[in-house]
Amino acid sequence: MLSYNPLPHLQPDKGYPIVDVAGWKIYYTDGTIVSSKDVDWHNAPKHEVQIVMLYLNKLDSSGRHCRHRMCGFDFYFKDEEGFGYSFDDSSFVRGEVVYGKWTTYENYNKLFNIAIKDFEF
């Protein structure tokens, strides 16, 4: 179990639920990026997810949305309570699911560098 929880609304042992989300982006293995402005979560492509970036309803000192990055998991999901993720325990997964996929370090690093600089959903 994590001893430090930087986001107080997360359950530190499960990472769920992440609430008060203004929007999201999903970054896929092939470089495709899908946003909550493009489709709803239900219609987002389901496979080969590398990064899910959540844009919270809280602004930083620059007036940009605070973000929560989820990556390295097998399952990312959204239900009526919020967003969540799970590494390999599908019994915890609920709601609408998109599936993570292993990729090379080089590919992940390329996607990460795009995602970390992207403050617009």
PDB file of N, CA and C in Angstrom:
ATOM      1  N   MET A   1       0.831  -1.164   0.000  1.00  0.00           N
ATOM      2  CA  MET A   1       0.000   0.000   0.000  1.00  0.00           C
ATOM      3  C   MET A   1       0.887   1.243   0.000  1.00  0.00           C
ATOM      4  N   LEU A   2       0.449   2.279  -0.715  1.00  0.00           N
ATOM      5  CA  LEU A   2       1.195   3.518  -0.756  1.00  0.00           C
ATOM      6  C   LEU A   2       1.159   4.208   0.598  1.00  0.00           C
ATOM      7  N   SER A   3       2.250   4.807   0.978  1.00  0.00           N
ATOM      8  CA  SER A   3       2.276   5.525   2.245  1.00  0.00           C
ATOM      9  C   SER A   3       2.006   7.010   2.043  1.00  0.00           C
ATOM     10  N   TYR A   4       2.093   7.491   0.819  1.00  0.00           N
ATOM     11  CA  TYR A   4       1.869   8.898   0.526  1.00  0.00           C
ATOM     12  C   TYR A   4       0.799   9.007  -0.542  1.00  0.00           C
ATOM     13  N   ASN A   5      -0.200   9.833  -0.285  1.00  0.00           N
ATOM     14  CA  ASN A   5      -1.298   9.989  -1.226  1.00  0.00           C
ATOM     15  C   ASN A   5      -1.383  11.447  -1.644  1.00  0.00           C
ATOM     16  N   PRO A   6      -0.803  11.813  -2.812  1.00  0.00           N
ATOM     17  CA  PRO A   6      -0.771  13.214  -3.211  1.00  0.00           C
ATOM     18  C   PRO A   6      -2.146  13.772  -3.584  1.00  0.00           C
ATOM     19  N   LEU A   7      -3.094  12.932  -3.915  1.00  0.00           N
ATOM     20  CA  LEU A   7      -4.448  13.381  -4.228  1.00  0.00           C
ATOM     21  C   LEU A   7      -5.389  12.797  -3.191  1.00  0.00           C
ATOM     22  N   PRO A   8      -5.917  13.610  -2.283  1.00  0.00           N
ATOM     23  CA  PRO A   8      -6.677  13.086  -1.153  1.00  0.00           C
ATOM     24  C   PRO A   8      -7.960  12.360  -1.540  1.00  0.00           C
ATOM     25  N   HIS A   9      -8.458  12.558  -2.750  1.00  0.00           N
ATOM     26  CA  HIS A   9      -9.685  11.879  -3.138  1.00  0.00           C
ATOM     27  C   HIS A   9      -9.424  10.481  -3.707  1.00  0.00           C
ATOM     28  N   LEU A  10      -8.178  10.039  -3.720  1.00  0.00           N
ATOM     29  CA  LEU A  10      -7.863   8.691  -4.188  1.00  0.00           C
ATOM     30  C   LEU A  10      -7.784   7.736  -3.013  1.00  0.00           C
ATOM     31  N   GLN A  11      -8.260   6.538  -3.219  1.00  0.00           N
ATOM     32  CA  GLN A  11      -7.998   5.490  -2.239  1.00  0.00           C
ATOM     33  C   GLN A  11      -6.583   5.008  -2.527  1.00  0.00           C
ATOM     34  N   PRO A  12      -5.640   5.146  -1.599  1.00  0.00           N
ATOM     35  CA  PRO A  12      -4.240   4.892  -1.924  1.00  0.00           C
ATOM     36  C   PRO A  12      -3.940   3.466  -2.352  1.00  0.00           C
ATOM     37  N   ASP A  13      -4.754   2.499  -1.960  1.00  0.00           N
ATOM     38  CA  ASP A  13      -4.461   1.130  -2.367  1.00  0.00           C
ATOM     39  C   ASP A  13      -5.132   0.754  -3.682  1.00  0.00           C
ATOM     40  N   LYS A  14      -6.057   1.567  -4.178  1.00  0.00           N
ATOM     41  CA  LYS A  14      -6.784   1.197  -5.379  1.00  0.00           C
ATOM     42  C   LYS A  14      -6.778   2.274  -6.456  1.00  0.00           C
ATOM     43  N   GLY A  15      -6.482   3.522  -6.105  1.00  0.00           N
ATOM     44  CA  GLY A  15      -6.492   4.585  -7.104  1.00  0.00           C
ATOM     45  C   GLY A  15      -7.879   4.867  -7.639  1.00  0.00           C
ATOM     46  N   TYR A  16      -8.889   4.781  -6.804  1.00  0.00           N
ATOM     47  CA  TYR A  16     -10.263   4.944  -7.265  1.00  0.00           C
ATOM     48  C   TYR A  16     -11.111   5.530  -6.156  1.00  0.00           C
ATOM     49  N   PRO A  17     -12.067   6.357  -6.388  1.00  0.00           N
ATOM     50  CA  PRO A  17     -12.322   6.979  -7.695  1.00  0.00           C
ATOM     51  C   PRO A  17     -11.587   8.305  -7.830  1.00  0.00           C
ATOM     52  N   ILE A  18     -11.317   8.699  -9.037  1.00  0.00           N
ATOM     53  CA  ILE A  18     -10.805  10.027  -9.337  1.00  0.00           C
ATOM     54  C   ILE A  18     -12.019  10.820  -9.804  1.00  0.00           C
ATOM     55  N   VAL A  19     -12.355  11.846  -9.064  1.00  0.00           N
ATOM     56  CA  VAL A  19     -13.596  12.575  -9.304  1.00  0.00           C
ATOM     57  C   VAL A  19     -13.313  14.024  -9.677  1.00  0.00           C
ATOM     58  N   ASP A  20     -14.378  14.739 -10.008  1.00  0.00           N
ATOM     59  CA  ASP A  20     -14.310  16.157 -10.351  1.00  0.00           C
ATOM     60  C   ASP A  20     -13.397  16.379 -11.547  1.00  0.00           C
ATOM     61  N   VAL A  21     -13.635  15.618 -12.598  1.00  0.00           N
ATOM     62  CA  VAL A  21     -12.832  15.666 -13.816  1.00  0.00           C
ATOM     63  C   VAL A  21     -13.533  16.534 -14.855  1.00  0.00           C
ATOM     64  N   ALA A  22     -12.805  17.507 -15.404  1.00  0.00           N
ATOM     65  CA  ALA A  22     -13.353  18.394 -16.431  1.00  0.00           C
ATOM     66  C   ALA A  22     -13.289  17.758 -17.812  1.00  0.00           C
ATOM     67  N   GLY A  23     -12.278  16.932 -18.062  1.00  0.00           N
ATOM     68  CA  GLY A  23     -12.100  16.290 -19.359  1.00  0.00           C
ATOM     69  C   GLY A  23     -10.947  15.311 -19.297  1.00  0.00           C
ATOM     70  N   TRP A  24     -10.701  14.630 -20.407  1.00  0.00           N
ATOM     71  CA  TRP A  24      -9.644  13.627 -20.443  1.00  0.00           C
ATOM     72  C   TRP A  24      -9.077  13.505 -21.853  1.00  0.00           C
ATOM     73  N   LYS A  25      -7.895  12.909 -21.944  1.00  0.00           N
ATOM     74  CA  LYS A  25      -7.285  12.521 -23.216  1.00  0.00           C
ATOM     75  C   LYS A  25      -6.689  11.139 -23.046  1.00  0.00           C
ATOM     76  N   ILE A  26      -6.793  10.354 -24.103  1.00  0.00           N
ATOM     77  CA  ILE A  26      -6.172   9.034 -24.142  1.00  0.00           C
ATOM     78  C   ILE A  26      -5.122   9.045 -25.244  1.00  0.00           C
ATOM     79  N   TYR A  27      -3.928   8.593 -24.898  1.00  0.00           N
ATOM     80  CA  TYR A  27      -2.807   8.508 -25.834  1.00  0.00           C
ATOM     81  C   TYR A  27      -2.584   7.028 -26.144  1.00  0.00           C
ATOM     82  N   TYR A  28      -2.622   6.683 -27.435  1.00  0.00           N
ATOM     83  CA  TYR A  28      -2.540   5.290 -27.878  1.00  0.00           C
ATOM     84  C   TYR A  28      -1.153   4.958 -28.427  1.00  0.00           C
ATOM     85  N   THR A  29      -0.855   3.666 -28.492  1.00  0.00           N
ATOM     86  CA  THR A  29       0.442   3.157 -28.934  1.00  0.00           C
ATOM     87  C   THR A  29       0.884   3.752 -30.263  1.00  0.00           C
ATOM     88  N   ASP A  30      -0.044   3.890 -31.211  1.00  0.00           N
ATOM     89  CA  ASP A  30       0.318   4.378 -32.550  1.00  0.00           C
ATOM     90  C   ASP A  30       0.401   5.895 -32.648  1.00  0.00           C
ATOM     91  N   GLY A  31       0.237   6.610 -31.529  1.00  0.00           N
ATOM     92  CA  GLY A  31       0.319   8.062 -31.535  1.00  0.00           C
ATOM     93  C   GLY A  31      -1.031   8.761 -31.638  1.00  0.00           C
ATOM     94  N   THR A  32      -2.093   8.006 -31.835  1.00  0.00           N
ATOM     95  CA  THR A  32      -3.435   8.586 -31.864  1.00  0.00           C
ATOM     96  C   THR A  32      -3.760   9.176 -30.502  1.00  0.00           C
ATOM     97  N   ILE A  33      -4.414  10.326 -30.510  1.00  0.00           N
ATOM     98  CA  ILE A  33      -4.860  10.973 -29.281  1.00  0.00           C
ATOM     99  C   ILE A  33      -6.350  11.223 -29.409  1.00  0.00           C
ATOM    100  N   VAL A  34      -7.111  10.782 -28.418  1.00  0.00           N
ATOM    101  CA  VAL A  34      -8.560  10.978 -28.399  1.00  0.00           C
ATOM    102  C   VAL A  34      -8.915  11.739 -27.132  1.00  0.00           C
ATOM    103  N   SER A  35      -9.794  12.721 -27.285  1.00  0.00           N
ATOM    104  CA  SER A  35     -10.159  13.601 -26.183  1.00  0.00           C
ATOM    105  C   SER A  35     -11.651  13.502 -25.873  1.00  0.00           C
ATOM    106  N   SER A  36     -12.002  13.921 -24.664  1.00  0.00           N
ATOM    107  CA  SER A  36     -13.416  13.983 -24.285  1.00  0.00           C
ATOM    108  C   SER A  36     -14.168  14.998 -25.135  1.00  0.00           C
ATOM    109  N   LYS A  37     -13.461  15.866 -25.816  1.00  0.00           N
ATOM    110  CA  LYS A  37     -14.114  16.788 -26.761  1.00  0.00           C
ATOM    111  C   LYS A  37     -14.407  16.101 -28.088  1.00  0.00           C
ATOM    112  N   ASP A  38     -13.719  14.966 -28.356  1.00  0.00           N
ATOM    113  CA  ASP A  38     -13.934  14.214 -29.595  1.00  0.00           C
ATOM    114  C   ASP A  38     -15.072  13.204 -29.466  1.00  0.00           C
ATOM    115  N   VAL A  39     -15.044  12.426 -28.391  1.00  0.00           N
ATOM    116  CA  VAL A  39     -16.018  11.350 -28.167  1.00  0.00           C
ATOM    117  C   VAL A  39     -16.271  11.216 -26.672  1.00  0.00           C
ATOM    118  N   ASP A  40     -17.350  10.540 -26.307  1.00  0.00           N
ATOM    119  CA  ASP A  40     -17.513  10.222 -24.893  1.00  0.00           C
ATOM    120  C   ASP A  40     -16.699   8.966 -24.583  1.00  0.00           C
ATOM    121  N   TRP A  41     -16.447   8.713 -23.315  1.00  0.00           N
ATOM    122  CA  TRP A  41     -15.602   7.594 -22.895  1.00  0.00           C
ATOM    123  C   TRP A  41     -16.085   6.272 -23.495  1.00  0.00           C
ATOM    124  N   HIS A  42     -17.380   6.089 -23.559  1.00  0.00           N
ATOM    125  CA  HIS A  42     -17.980   4.857 -24.077  1.00  0.00           C
ATOM    126  C   HIS A  42     -17.555   4.581 -25.514  1.00  0.00           C
ATOM    127  N   ASN A  43     -17.344   5.625 -26.305  1.00  0.00           N
ATOM    128  CA  ASN A  43     -17.014   5.460 -27.727  1.00  0.00           C
ATOM    129  C   ASN A  43     -15.532   5.594 -28.038  1.00  0.00           C
ATOM    130  N   ALA A  44     -14.705   5.793 -27.031  1.00  0.00           N
ATOM    131  CA  ALA A  44     -13.257   5.871 -27.269  1.00  0.00           C
ATOM    132  C   ALA A  44     -12.726   4.502 -27.685  1.00  0.00           C
ATOM    133  N   PRO A  45     -11.710   4.464 -28.567  1.00  0.00           N
ATOM    134  CA  PRO A  45     -11.095   3.169 -28.898  1.00  0.00           C
ATOM    135  C   PRO A  45     -10.656   2.452 -27.622  1.00  0.00           C
ATOM    136  N   LYS A  46     -10.853   1.146 -27.585  1.00  0.00           N
ATOM    137  CA  LYS A  46     -10.708   0.374 -26.348  1.00  0.00           C
ATOM    138  C   LYS A  46      -9.327  -0.208 -26.092  1.00  0.00           C
ATOM    139  N   HIS A  47      -8.494  -0.329 -27.110  1.00  0.00           N
ATOM    140  CA  HIS A  47      -7.245  -1.081 -26.951  1.00  0.00           C
ATOM    141  C   HIS A  47      -6.011  -0.235 -27.254  1.00  0.00           C
ATOM    142  N   GLU A  48      -4.859  -0.699 -26.754  1.00  0.00           N
ATOM    143  CA  GLU A  48      -3.547  -0.111 -27.002  1.00  0.00           C
ATOM    144  C   GLU A  48      -3.371   1.246 -26.326  1.00  0.00           C
ATOM    145  N   VAL A  49      -3.948   1.408 -25.151  1.00  0.00           N
ATOM    146  CA  VAL A  49      -3.821   2.654 -24.390  1.00  0.00           C
ATOM    147  C   VAL A  49      -2.454   2.710 -23.706  1.00  0.00           C
ATOM    148  N   GLN A  50      -1.811   3.862 -23.811  1.00  0.00           N
ATOM    149  CA  GLN A  50      -0.541   4.099 -23.127  1.00  0.00           C
ATOM    150  C   GLN A  50      -0.689   5.049 -21.949  1.00  0.00           C
ATOM    151  N   ILE A  51      -1.431   6.132 -22.161  1.00  0.00           N
ATOM    152  CA  ILE A  51      -1.583   7.156 -21.122  1.00  0.00           C
ATOM    153  C   ILE A  51      -3.022   7.646 -21.130  1.00  0.00           C
ATOM    154  N   VAL A  52      -3.594   7.791 -19.946  1.00  0.00           N
ATOM    155  CA  VAL A  52      -4.865   8.497 -19.786  1.00  0.00           C
ATOM    156  C   VAL A  52      -4.553   9.722 -18.933  1.00  0.00           C
ATOM    157  N   MET A  53      -4.810  10.890 -19.495  1.00  0.00           N
ATOM    158  CA  MET A  53      -4.587  12.137 -18.768  1.00  0.00           C
ATOM    159  C   MET A  53      -5.950  12.712 -18.399  1.00  0.00           C
ATOM    160  N   LEU A  54      -6.158  12.906 -17.099  1.00  0.00           N
ATOM    161  CA  LEU A  54      -7.398  13.503 -16.612  1.00  0.00           C
ATOM    162  C   LEU A  54      -7.126  14.965 -16.288  1.00  0.00           C
ATOM    163  N   TYR A  55      -8.012  15.824 -16.742  1.00  0.00           N
ATOM    164  CA  TYR A  55      -7.931  17.262 -16.481  1.00  0.00           C
ATOM    165  C   TYR A  55      -8.956  17.570 -15.404  1.00  0.00           C
ATOM    166  N   LEU A  56      -8.486  18.002 -14.250  1.00  0.00           N
ATOM    167  CA  LEU A  56      -9.346  18.187 -13.094  1.00  0.00           C
ATOM    168  C   LEU A  56     -10.019  19.559 -13.105  1.00  0.00           C
ATOM    169  N   ASN A  57     -11.108  19.671 -12.389  1.00  0.00           N
ATOM    170  CA  ASN A  57     -11.818  20.943 -12.243  1.00  0.00           C
ATOM    171  C   ASN A  57     -11.139  21.806 -11.185  1.00  0.00           C
ATOM    172  N   LYS A  58      -9.851  21.930 -11.318  1.00  0.00           N
ATOM    173  CA  LYS A  58      -9.048  22.761 -10.422  1.00  0.00           C
ATOM    174  C   LYS A  58      -7.948  23.372 -11.284  1.00  0.00           C
ATOM    175  N   LEU A  59      -7.710  24.662 -11.127  1.00  0.00           N
ATOM    176  CA  LEU A  59      -6.707  25.339 -11.938  1.00  0.00           C
ATOM    177  C   LEU A  59      -5.433  25.558 -11.139  1.00  0.00           C
ATOM    178  N   ASP A  60      -4.300  25.508 -11.851  1.00  0.00           N
ATOM    179  CA  ASP A  60      -3.027  25.796 -11.209  1.00  0.00           C
ATOM    180  C   ASP A  60      -2.783  27.305 -11.215  1.00  0.00           C
ATOM    181  N   SER A  61      -1.634  27.739 -10.753  1.00  0.00           N
ATOM    182  CA  SER A  61      -1.340  29.176 -10.655  1.00  0.00           C
ATOM    183  C   SER A  61      -1.224  29.846 -12.021  1.00  0.00           C
ATOM    184  N   SER A  62      -1.077  29.068 -13.081  1.00  0.00           N
ATOM    185  CA  SER A  62      -1.030  29.610 -14.446  1.00  0.00           C
ATOM    186  C   SER A  62      -2.400  29.621 -15.115  1.00  0.00           C
ATOM    187  N   GLY A  63      -3.419  29.164 -14.387  1.00  0.00           N
ATOM    188  CA  GLY A  63      -4.769  29.138 -14.950  1.00  0.00           C
ATOM    189  C   GLY A  63      -5.053  27.919 -15.810  1.00  0.00           C
ATOM    190  N   ARG A  64      -4.181  26.910 -15.737  1.00  0.00           N
ATOM    191  CA  ARG A  64      -4.374  25.671 -16.500  1.00  0.00           C
ATOM    192  C   ARG A  64      -4.991  24.615 -15.586  1.00  0.00           C
ATOM    193  N   HIS A  65      -5.678  23.660 -16.201  1.00  0.00           N
ATOM    194  CA  HIS A  65      -6.258  22.566 -15.417  1.00  0.00           C
ATOM    195  C   HIS A  65      -5.152  21.736 -14.760  1.00  0.00           C
ATOM    196  N   CYS A  66      -5.317  21.443 -13.477  1.00  0.00           N
ATOM    197  CA  CYS A  66      -4.454  20.447 -12.836  1.00  0.00           C
ATOM    198  C   CYS A  66      -4.758  19.116 -13.495  1.00  0.00           C
ATOM    199  N   ARG A  67      -3.762  18.244 -13.564  1.00  0.00           N
ATOM    200  CA  ARG A  67      -3.944  16.979 -14.280  1.00  0.00           C
ATOM    201  C   ARG A  67      -3.554  15.802 -13.401  1.00  0.00           C
ATOM    202  N   HIS A  68      -4.117  14.674 -13.738  1.00  0.00           N
ATOM    203  CA  HIS A  68      -3.730  13.410 -13.110  1.00  0.00           C
ATOM    204  C   HIS A  68      -3.434  12.432 -14.232  1.00  0.00           C
ATOM    205  N   ARG A  69      -2.191  11.931 -14.279  1.00  0.00           N
ATOM    206  CA  ARG A  69      -1.762  11.015 -15.338  1.00  0.00           C
ATOM    207  C   ARG A  69      -1.864   9.579 -14.846  1.00  0.00           C
ATOM    208  N   MET A  70      -2.499   8.738 -15.658  1.00  0.00           N
ATOM    209  CA  MET A  70      -2.556   7.306 -15.375  1.00  0.00           C
ATOM    210  C   MET A  70      -1.821   6.600 -16.513  1.00  0.00           C
ATOM    211  N   CYS A  71      -0.867   5.755 -16.174  1.00  0.00           N
ATOM    212  CA  CYS A  71      -0.141   5.011 -17.203  1.00  0.00           C
ATOM    213  C   CYS A  71       0.446   3.752 -16.587  1.00  0.00           C
ATOM    214  N   GLY A  72       0.740   2.773 -17.424  1.00  0.00           N
ATOM    215  CA  GLY A  72       1.360   1.549 -16.959  1.00  0.00           C
ATOM    216  C   GLY A  72       0.395   0.529 -16.378  1.00  0.00           C
ATOM    217  N   PHE A  73      -0.897   0.701 -16.634  1.00  0.00           N
ATOM    218  CA  PHE A  73      -1.896  -0.222 -16.091  1.00  0.00           C
ATOM    219  C   PHE A  73      -2.541  -1.044 -17.199  1.00  0.00           C
ATOM    220  N   ASP A  74      -3.151  -2.144 -16.806  1.00  0.00           N
ATOM    221  CA  ASP A  74      -3.850  -3.000 -17.760  1.00  0.00           C
ATOM    222  C   ASP A  74      -5.257  -2.501 -18.066  1.00  0.00           C
ATOM    223  N   PHE A  75      -5.896  -1.896 -17.069  1.00  0.00           N
ATOM    224  CA  PHE A  75      -7.283  -1.468 -17.200  1.00  0.00           C
ATOM    225  C   PHE A  75      -7.434  -0.017 -16.736  1.00  0.00           C
ATOM    226  N   TYR A  76      -8.151   0.759 -17.520  1.00  0.00           N
ATOM    227  CA  TYR A  76      -8.551   2.112 -17.144  1.00  0.00           C
ATOM    228  C   TYR A  76     -10.056   2.143 -17.298  1.00  0.00           C
ATOM    229  N   PHE A  77     -10.767   2.709 -16.319  1.00  0.00           N
ATOM    230  CA  PHE A  77     -12.218   2.634 -16.421  1.00  0.00           C
ATOM    231  C   PHE A  77     -12.890   3.884 -15.892  1.00  0.00           C
ATOM    232  N   LYS A  78     -14.133   4.020 -16.298  1.00  0.00           N
ATOM    233  CA  LYS A  78     -14.982   5.128 -15.862  1.00  0.00           C
ATOM    234  C   LYS A  78     -16.350   4.547 -15.542  1.00  0.00           C
ATOM    235  N   ASP A  79     -16.869   4.902 -14.377  1.00  0.00           N
ATOM    236  CA  ASP A  79     -18.233   4.520 -14.023  1.00  0.00           C
ATOM    237  C   ASP A  79     -18.923   5.722 -13.399  1.00  0.00           C
ATOM    238  N   GLU A  80     -20.070   5.504 -12.794  1.00  0.00           N
ATOM    239  CA  GLU A  80     -20.846   6.615 -12.242  1.00  0.00           C
ATOM    240  C   GLU A  80     -20.138   7.303 -11.067  1.00  0.00           C
ATOM    241  N   GLU A  81     -19.151   6.667 -10.463  1.00  0.00           N
ATOM    242  CA  GLU A  81     -18.438   7.261  -9.334  1.00  0.00           C
ATOM    243  C   GLU A  81     -17.208   8.059  -9.746  1.00  0.00           C
ATOM    244  N   GLY A  82     -16.665   7.784 -10.911  1.00  0.00           N
ATOM    245  CA  GLY A  82     -15.474   8.496 -11.365  1.00  0.00           C
ATOM    246  C   GLY A  82     -14.595   7.611 -12.225  1.00  0.00           C
ATOM    247  N   PHE A  83     -13.325   7.938 -12.261  1.00  0.00           N
ATOM    248  CA  PHE A  83     -12.333   7.219 -13.059  1.00  0.00           C
ATOM    249  C   PHE A  83     -11.465   6.356 -12.148  1.00  0.00           C
ATOM    250  N   GLY A  84     -10.927   5.274 -12.705  1.00  0.00           N
ATOM    251  CA  GLY A  84     -10.039   4.421 -11.946  1.00  0.00           C
ATOM    252  C   GLY A  84      -9.160   3.593 -12.858  1.00  0.00           C
ATOM    253  N   TYR A  85      -8.314   2.787 -12.249  1.00  0.00           N
ATOM    254  CA  TYR A  85      -7.394   1.927 -12.986  1.00  0.00           C
ATOM    255  C   TYR A  85      -7.063   0.722 -12.135  1.00  0.00           C
ATOM    256  N   SER A  86      -6.570  -0.319 -12.795  1.00  0.00           N
ATOM    257  CA  SER A  86      -6.128  -1.512 -12.090  1.00  0.00           C
ATOM    258  C   SER A  86      -5.011  -2.151 -12.896  1.00  0.00           C
ATOM    259  N   PHE A  87      -4.017  -2.697 -12.195  1.00  0.00           N
ATOM    260  CA  PHE A  87      -2.891  -3.300 -12.894  1.00  0.00           C
ATOM    261  C   PHE A  87      -3.259  -4.650 -13.494  1.00  0.00           C
ATOM    262  N   ASP A  88      -3.598  -5.622 -12.681  1.00  0.00           N
ATOM    263  CA  ASP A  88      -3.919  -6.930 -13.241  1.00  0.00           C
ATOM    264  C   ASP A  88      -5.116  -7.587 -12.557  1.00  0.00           C
ATOM    265  N   ASP A  89      -5.813  -6.851 -11.723  1.00  0.00           N
ATOM    266  CA  ASP A  89      -6.959  -7.393 -11.000  1.00  0.00           C
ATOM    267  C   ASP A  89      -8.250  -6.931 -11.671  1.00  0.00           C
ATOM    268  N   SER A  90      -8.768  -7.758 -12.565  1.00  0.00           N
ATOM    269  CA  SER A  90      -9.970  -7.363 -13.298  1.00  0.00           C
ATOM    270  C   SER A  90     -11.218  -7.377 -12.419  1.00  0.00           C
ATOM    271  N   SER A  91     -11.142  -7.980 -11.239  1.00  0.00           N
ATOM    272  CA  SER A  91     -12.311  -7.979 -10.353  1.00  0.00           C
ATOM    273  C   SER A  91     -12.613  -6.578  -9.825  1.00  0.00           C
ATOM    274  N   PHE A  92     -11.632  -5.698  -9.837  1.00  0.00           N
ATOM    275  CA  PHE A  92     -11.825  -4.335  -9.370  1.00  0.00           C
ATOM    276  C   PHE A  92     -12.389  -3.428 -10.463  1.00  0.00           C
ATOM    277  N   VAL A  93     -12.245  -3.839 -11.716  1.00  0.00           N
ATOM    278  CA  VAL A  93     -12.643  -3.023 -12.861  1.00  0.00           C
ATOM    279  C   VAL A  93     -14.157  -2.970 -12.966  1.00  0.00           C
ATOM    280  N   ARG A  94     -14.677  -1.777 -13.254  1.00  0.00           N
ATOM    281  CA  ARG A  94     -16.120  -1.600 -13.405  1.00  0.00           C
ATOM    282  C   ARG A  94     -16.397  -0.524 -14.436  1.00  0.00           C
ATOM    283  N   GLY A  95     -17.634  -0.446 -14.878  1.00  0.00           N
ATOM    284  CA  GLY A  95     -18.023   0.584 -15.839  1.00  0.00           C
ATOM    285  C   GLY A  95     -17.442   0.325 -17.213  1.00  0.00           C
ATOM    286  N   GLU A  96     -17.172   1.400 -17.927  1.00  0.00           N
ATOM    287  CA  GLU A  96     -16.603   1.338 -19.279  1.00  0.00           C
ATOM    288  C   GLU A  96     -15.083   1.248 -19.194  1.00  0.00           C
ATOM    289  N   VAL A  97     -14.507   0.270 -19.889  1.00  0.00           N
ATOM    290  CA  VAL A  97     -13.080  -0.038 -19.765  1.00  0.00           C
ATOM    291  C   VAL A  97     -12.344   0.224 -21.072  1.00  0.00           C
ATOM    292  N   VAL A  98     -11.123   0.778 -20.966  1.00  0.00           N
ATOM    293  CA  VAL A  98     -10.167   0.780 -22.064  1.00  0.00           C
ATOM    294  C   VAL A  98      -8.938   0.031 -21.548  1.00  0.00           C
ATOM    295  N   TYR A  99      -8.193  -0.581 -22.480  1.00  0.00           N
ATOM    296  CA  TYR A  99      -7.163  -1.536 -22.102  1.00  0.00           C
ATOM    297  C   TYR A  99      -5.762  -1.039 -22.444  1.00  0.00           C
ATOM    298  N   GLY A 100      -4.885  -1.130 -21.459  1.00  0.00           N
ATOM    299  CA  GLY A 100      -3.494  -0.766 -21.662  1.00  0.00           C
ATOM    300  C   GLY A 100      -2.761  -1.819 -22.481  1.00  0.00           C
ATOM    301  N   LYS A 101      -1.612  -1.418 -23.025  1.00  0.00           N
ATOM    302  CA  LYS A 101      -0.804  -2.297 -23.867  1.00  0.00           C
ATOM    303  C   LYS A 101       0.660  -1.977 -23.636  1.00  0.00           C
ATOM    304  N   TRP A 102       1.489  -2.994 -23.541  1.00  0.00           N
ATOM    305  CA  TRP A 102       2.915  -2.784 -23.409  1.00  0.00           C
ATOM    306  C   TRP A 102       3.449  -2.159 -24.689  1.00  0.00           C
ATOM    307  N   THR A 103       4.423  -1.268 -24.550  1.00  0.00           N
ATOM    308  CA  THR A 103       5.130  -0.698 -25.700  1.00  0.00           C
ATOM    309  C   THR A 103       6.595  -0.541 -25.331  1.00  0.00           C
ATOM    310  N   THR A 104       7.383  -0.149 -26.278  1.00  0.00           N
ATOM    311  CA  THR A 104       8.809   0.054 -26.012  1.00  0.00           C
ATOM    312  C   THR A 104       9.020   1.312 -25.173  1.00  0.00           C
ATOM    313  N   TYR A 105      10.142   1.367 -24.512  1.00  0.00           N
ATOM    314  CA  TYR A 105      10.494   2.543 -23.730  1.00  0.00           C
ATOM    315  C   TYR A 105      10.534   3.779 -24.623  1.00  0.00           C
ATOM    316  N   GLU A 106      11.117   3.637 -25.806  1.00  0.00           N
ATOM    317  CA  GLU A 106      11.243   4.767 -26.719  1.00  0.00           C
ATOM    318  C   GLU A 106       9.863   5.301 -27.123  1.00  0.00           C
ATOM    319  N   ASN A 107       8.946   4.416 -27.439  1.00  0.00           N
ATOM    320  CA  ASN A 107       7.608   4.848 -27.843  1.00  0.00           C
ATOM    321  C   ASN A 107       6.869   5.492 -26.672  1.00  0.00           C
ATOM    322  N   TYR A 108       6.948   4.868 -25.512  1.00  0.00           N
ATOM    323  CA  TYR A 108       6.285   5.453 -24.351  1.00  0.00           C
ATOM    324  C   TYR A 108       6.856   6.838 -24.048  1.00  0.00           C
ATOM    325  N   ASN A 109       8.172   6.970 -24.077  1.00  0.00           N
ATOM    326  CA  ASN A 109       8.813   8.239 -23.787  1.00  0.00           C
ATOM    327  C   ASN A 109       8.367   9.327 -24.769  1.00  0.00           C
ATOM    328  N   LYS A 110       8.232   8.966 -26.041  1.00  0.00           N
ATOM    329  CA  LYS A 110       7.745   9.915 -27.050  1.00  0.00           C
ATOM    330  C   LYS A 110       6.325  10.376 -26.704  1.00  0.00           C
ATOM    331  N   LEU A 111       5.453   9.440 -26.376  1.00  0.00           N
ATOM    332  CA  LEU A 111       4.073   9.782 -26.022  1.00  0.00           C
ATOM    333  C   LEU A 111       4.012  10.588 -24.726  1.00  0.00           C
ATOM    334  N   PHE A 112       4.811  10.201 -23.746  1.00  0.00           N
ATOM    335  CA  PHE A 112       4.854  10.924 -22.477  1.00  0.00           C
ATOM    336  C   PHE A 112       5.249  12.385 -22.694  1.00  0.00           C
ATOM    337  N   ASN A 113       6.252  12.613 -23.522  1.00  0.00           N
ATOM    338  CA  ASN A 113       6.706  13.987 -23.773  1.00  0.00           C
ATOM    339  C   ASN A 113       5.635  14.826 -24.467  1.00  0.00           C
ATOM    340  N   ILE A 114       4.791  14.219 -25.245  1.00  0.00           N
ATOM    341  CA  ILE A 114       3.658  14.935 -25.841  1.00  0.00           C
ATOM    342  C   ILE A 114       2.606  15.215 -24.772  1.00  0.00           C
ATOM    343  N   ALA A 115       2.263  14.185 -24.009  1.00  0.00           N
ATOM    344  CA  ALA A 115       1.191  14.307 -23.017  1.00  0.00           C
ATOM    345  C   ALA A 115       1.530  15.301 -21.916  1.00  0.00           C
ATOM    346  N   ILE A 116       2.741  15.300 -21.447  1.00  0.00           N
ATOM    347  CA  ILE A 116       3.107  16.131 -20.302  1.00  0.00           C
ATOM    348  C   ILE A 116       3.096  17.619 -20.648  1.00  0.00           C
ATOM    349  N   LYS A 117       3.228  17.941 -21.930  1.00  0.00           N
ATOM    350  CA  LYS A 117       3.214  19.340 -22.363  1.00  0.00           C
ATOM    351  C   LYS A 117       1.844  19.814 -22.823  1.00  0.00           C
ATOM    352  N   ASP A 118       0.872  18.915 -22.803  1.00  0.00           N
ATOM    353  CA  ASP A 118      -0.452  19.205 -23.346  1.00  0.00           C
ATOM    354  C   ASP A 118      -1.429  19.541 -22.209  1.00  0.00           C
ATOM    355  N   PHE A 119      -1.765  20.806 -22.084  1.00  0.00           N
ATOM    356  CA  PHE A 119      -2.647  21.246 -21.005  1.00  0.00           C
ATOM    357  C   PHE A 119      -4.076  21.483 -21.454  1.00  0.00           C
ATOM    358  N   GLU A 120      -4.386  21.221 -22.711  1.00  0.00           N
ATOM    359  CA  GLU A 120      -5.743  21.418 -23.239  1.00  0.00           C
ATOM    360  C   GLU A 120      -6.391  20.066 -23.509  1.00  0.00           C
ATOM    361  N   PHE A 121      -7.589  19.914 -23.031  1.00  0.00           N
ATOM    362  CA  PHE A 121      -8.294  18.672 -23.347  1.00  0.00           C
ATOM    363  C   PHE A 121      -9.301  18.962 -24.430  1.00  0.00           C
TER     364      PHE A 121
END
